[in-house]
Amino acid sequence: MKMRTHARTIAAAATGLMLMAGNHAQAHCDTMSGPLIPEARQALEKGDVTPILKWVMPGDEAEIKAAFAQAVAVRATGTEAQKLADRYFLETLVRIHRAGEGAPYTGLKDEPVDPIVALADNALADGSADDMIAKLSRHMAHAVEEKYNRALEARKHKDESVEAGREYVEAYVIYMHYVEGLHNAILSAGGHEHGDAAHAQHND
């Protein structure tokens, strides 16, 4: 059980590192295939705004309810009106949702979500994180090994020249920062694991 807990914590840390490595927050809630827009479309079809209020802050509920009521009224007047009303409401909903996250709204995107996001969403849909954990763990292990091997090889030649020494320092810094980032992410992702991780660090 303890090993499984560690695996889940490491997977969570690996996810954070993968997202940071991409140098951007995965804004998949503004994509047409993300979780928000399909749910909003269903709400419009049913005429019930309640299921999508969870996507906005309490202070924004009134604006969403008003936009929803307007969209429902307009979409009932015809096919073209329905398309325009739906688009208006979806843009309003995503914009307000993104503002609640402190993120800018850059429009609706008709593109697939990133693989890591799809993997996380599928894990929730399947009711099991096992496949996601296995894939993330493999990715993390490969990334650590690649950076370790580069630093190890560069270390063998670090005293041959200044250039070789600088190559080693660069590889060393990349390797250490990645490992440290992973360790910090593990501590952050699993607070109850702090003692074990700290103990392991002190024993190095």
Protein backbone atom coordinates (compact mmCIF):
# COMPACT_ATOMS: atom_id res chain seq x y z
CA MET A 1 0.00 0.00 0.00
CA LYS A 2 2.85 2.37 0.85
CA MET A 3 4.53 1.74 -2.52
CA ARG A 4 1.25 2.47 -4.29
CA THR A 5 0.90 5.74 -2.37
CA HIS A 6 4.42 6.72 -3.37
CA ALA A 7 3.64 5.88 -7.00
CA ARG A 8 0.60 8.13 -6.98
CA THR A 9 2.54 10.94 -5.34
CA ILE A 10 5.36 10.62 -7.88
CA ALA A 11 2.83 10.58 -10.72
CA ALA A 12 1.29 13.80 -9.40
CA ALA A 13 4.72 15.35 -9.22
CA ALA A 14 5.56 14.16 -12.72
CA THR A 15 2.37 15.73 -14.01
CA GLY A 16 3.34 19.06 -12.49
CA LEU A 17 6.79 18.87 -14.00
CA MET A 18 5.43 17.96 -17.42
CA LEU A 19 3.10 20.93 -17.33
CA MET A 20 5.86 23.27 -16.20
CA ALA A 21 8.16 21.89 -18.86
CA GLY A 22 5.59 22.91 -21.46
CA ASN A 23 6.05 26.50 -20.22
CA HIS A 24 2.31 27.17 -20.24
CA ALA A 25 -0.79 26.33 -18.28
CA GLN A 26 -2.99 23.87 -20.08
CA ALA A 27 -6.05 25.97 -20.81
CA HIS A 28 -8.14 23.06 -22.08
CA CYS A 29 -11.37 24.52 -20.73
CA ASP A 30 -11.38 26.90 -23.69
CA THR A 31 -11.21 24.11 -26.26
CA MET A 32 -14.30 22.73 -27.96
CA SER A 33 -13.36 19.20 -26.89
CA GLY A 34 -12.55 20.13 -23.30
CA PRO A 35 -14.85 19.39 -20.34
CA LEU A 36 -16.56 22.76 -20.10
CA ILE A 37 -18.02 23.43 -23.54
CA PRO A 38 -19.76 20.05 -24.10
CA GLU A 39 -21.37 20.40 -20.67
CA ALA A 40 -22.47 23.94 -21.49
CA ARG A 41 -24.02 22.76 -24.76
CA GLN A 42 -26.02 20.12 -22.88
CA ALA A 43 -27.20 22.76 -20.43
CA LEU A 44 -28.41 24.94 -23.31
CA GLU A 45 -30.28 22.03 -24.86
CA LYS A 46 -31.99 21.25 -21.57
CA GLY A 47 -32.56 24.87 -20.63
CA ASP A 48 -31.00 24.35 -17.19
CA VAL A 49 -28.05 26.51 -16.15
CA THR A 50 -27.51 24.80 -12.78
CA PRO A 51 -25.01 22.11 -13.89
CA ILE A 52 -22.56 24.67 -15.24
CA LEU A 53 -22.60 27.13 -12.35
CA LYS A 54 -19.82 25.09 -10.74
CA TRP A 55 -17.46 26.39 -13.44
CA VAL A 56 -17.69 30.00 -12.23
CA MET A 57 -17.08 31.84 -8.97
CA PRO A 58 -20.10 32.58 -6.74
CA GLY A 59 -19.85 36.27 -7.52
CA ASP A 60 -20.20 35.55 -11.24
CA GLU A 61 -23.35 33.42 -11.03
CA ALA A 62 -25.71 36.30 -11.70
CA GLU A 63 -23.93 37.28 -14.92
CA ILE A 64 -23.90 33.68 -16.15
CA LYS A 65 -27.57 33.17 -15.32
CA ALA A 66 -28.49 36.36 -17.20
CA ALA A 67 -26.39 35.39 -20.23
CA PHE A 68 -27.86 31.90 -20.17
CA ALA A 69 -31.45 33.13 -20.03
CA GLN A 70 -30.79 35.49 -22.92
CA ALA A 71 -29.17 32.73 -24.97
CA VAL A 72 -32.05 30.32 -24.34
CA ALA A 73 -34.59 32.94 -25.40
CA VAL A 74 -32.73 33.88 -28.58
CA ARG A 75 -31.89 30.34 -29.66
CA ALA A 76 -35.60 29.50 -29.71
CA THR A 77 -36.19 31.93 -32.59
CA GLY A 78 -34.45 29.92 -35.30
CA THR A 79 -31.47 27.87 -36.40
CA GLU A 80 -29.15 30.75 -37.21
CA ALA A 81 -30.16 32.58 -34.06
CA GLN A 82 -29.42 29.42 -32.08
CA LYS A 83 -25.87 29.24 -33.43
CA LEU A 84 -25.22 32.87 -32.59
CA ALA A 85 -26.78 32.58 -29.14
CA ASP A 86 -24.81 29.45 -28.33
CA ARG A 87 -21.55 31.03 -29.41
CA TYR A 88 -22.27 34.15 -27.39
CA PHE A 89 -22.98 32.15 -24.26
CA LEU A 90 -20.02 29.80 -24.65
CA GLU A 91 -17.65 32.73 -25.07
CA THR A 92 -19.14 34.47 -22.06
CA LEU A 93 -18.92 31.36 -19.90
CA VAL A 94 -15.34 30.53 -20.84
CA ARG A 95 -14.23 34.14 -20.44
CA ILE A 96 -15.69 34.36 -16.94
CA HIS A 97 -14.38 30.92 -16.00
CA ARG A 98 -10.87 31.88 -17.14
CA ALA A 99 -11.06 35.16 -15.25
CA GLY A 100 -11.91 33.19 -12.12
CA GLU A 101 -8.66 31.27 -12.61
CA GLY A 102 -6.75 34.51 -13.04
CA ALA A 103 -6.05 33.60 -16.68
CA PRO A 104 -6.68 35.66 -19.82
CA TYR A 105 -9.39 34.75 -22.30
CA THR A 106 -7.97 34.21 -25.78
CA GLY A 107 -11.06 32.88 -27.54
CA LEU A 108 -12.57 29.46 -28.10
CA LYS A 109 -10.25 26.95 -29.70
CA ASP A 110 -11.28 24.15 -32.03
CA GLU A 111 -8.31 21.90 -31.33
CA PRO A 112 -7.64 18.70 -29.39
CA VAL A 113 -6.49 18.95 -25.79
CA ASP A 114 -2.89 18.14 -24.98
CA PRO A 115 -2.17 14.42 -24.44
CA ILE A 116 -1.39 14.87 -20.74
CA VAL A 117 -4.73 16.59 -20.17
CA ALA A 118 -6.59 13.93 -22.14
CA LEU A 119 -4.83 11.27 -20.06
CA ALA A 120 -5.92 12.90 -16.81
CA ASP A 121 -9.49 13.37 -18.03
CA ASN A 122 -9.68 9.76 -19.22
CA ALA A 123 -8.48 8.54 -15.84
CA LEU A 124 -11.41 10.31 -14.20
CA ALA A 125 -13.84 8.95 -16.80
CA ASP A 126 -12.51 5.40 -16.37
CA GLY A 127 -12.59 5.58 -12.59
CA SER A 128 -8.97 4.42 -12.35
CA ALA A 129 -5.66 6.26 -12.27
CA ASP A 130 -3.53 3.14 -12.77
CA ASP A 131 -2.84 3.61 -16.49
CA MET A 132 -2.08 7.30 -16.04
CA ILE A 133 0.26 6.59 -13.12
CA ALA A 134 2.15 3.97 -15.10
CA LYS A 135 2.61 6.26 -18.10
CA LEU A 136 3.64 9.26 -16.02
CA SER A 137 6.06 7.18 -13.98
CA ARG A 138 7.70 5.88 -17.16
CA HIS A 139 7.96 9.40 -18.53
CA MET A 140 9.49 10.70 -15.31
CA ALA A 141 11.98 7.83 -15.11
CA HIS A 142 13.05 8.38 -18.71
CA ALA A 143 13.49 12.13 -18.16
CA VAL A 144 15.57 11.65 -15.00
CA GLU A 145 17.71 8.98 -16.64
CA GLU A 146 18.37 11.11 -19.72
CA LYS A 147 19.51 14.09 -17.66
CA TYR A 148 21.56 11.88 -15.34
CA ASN A 149 23.35 10.16 -18.22
CA ARG A 150 24.17 13.47 -19.86
CA ALA A 151 25.62 14.85 -16.62
CA LEU A 152 27.52 11.63 -15.94
CA GLU A 153 29.11 11.58 -19.39
CA ALA A 154 30.02 15.26 -19.22
CA ARG A 155 31.57 14.73 -15.78
CA LYS A 156 34.11 12.33 -17.27
CA HIS A 157 35.53 15.12 -19.45
CA LYS A 158 34.99 18.18 -17.25
CA ASP A 159 38.71 18.79 -16.62
CA GLU A 160 39.84 18.38 -20.21
CA SER A 161 39.15 22.01 -21.14
CA VAL A 162 37.19 25.07 -20.10
CA GLU A 163 34.58 24.30 -22.75
CA ALA A 164 34.21 20.74 -21.51
CA GLY A 165 33.93 22.04 -17.98
CA ARG A 166 31.16 24.40 -18.98
CA GLU A 167 29.30 21.61 -20.74
CA TYR A 168 29.46 19.62 -17.52
CA VAL A 169 28.23 22.53 -15.43
CA GLU A 170 25.29 23.06 -17.80
CA ALA A 171 24.36 19.37 -17.71
CA TYR A 172 24.84 19.28 -13.93
CA VAL A 173 22.57 22.29 -13.35
CA ILE A 174 19.83 20.90 -15.59
CA TYR A 175 20.02 17.51 -13.88
CA MET A 176 20.01 18.91 -10.34
CA HIS A 177 17.25 21.42 -10.97
CA TYR A 178 15.03 18.72 -12.44
CA VAL A 179 15.60 16.34 -9.53
CA GLU A 180 15.11 19.11 -7.00
CA GLY A 181 11.95 20.24 -8.77
CA LEU A 182 10.62 16.70 -8.73
CA HIS A 183 11.43 16.33 -5.04
CA ASN A 184 9.71 19.61 -4.19
CA ALA A 185 6.68 18.61 -6.25
CA ILE A 186 6.48 15.32 -4.35
CA LEU A 187 6.53 17.13 -1.03
CA SER A 188 3.89 19.57 -2.26
CA ALA A 189 1.66 16.88 -3.78
CA GLY A 190 1.69 14.59 -0.74
CA GLY A 191 2.04 16.43 2.51
CA HIS A 192 1.82 13.21 4.57
CA GLU A 193 4.87 11.92 2.71
CA HIS A 194 7.01 14.82 3.88
CA GLY A 195 8.70 12.86 6.63
CA ASP A 196 9.69 9.96 4.38
CA ALA A 197 10.97 12.20 1.60
CA ALA A 198 12.90 14.43 4.00
CA HIS A 199 14.40 11.36 5.66
CA ALA A 200 15.51 10.03 2.30
CA GLN A 201 17.10 13.37 1.48
CA HIS A 202 19.01 13.49 4.74
CA ASN A 203 20.36 10.00 4.16
CA ASP A 204 21.87 10.92 0.76
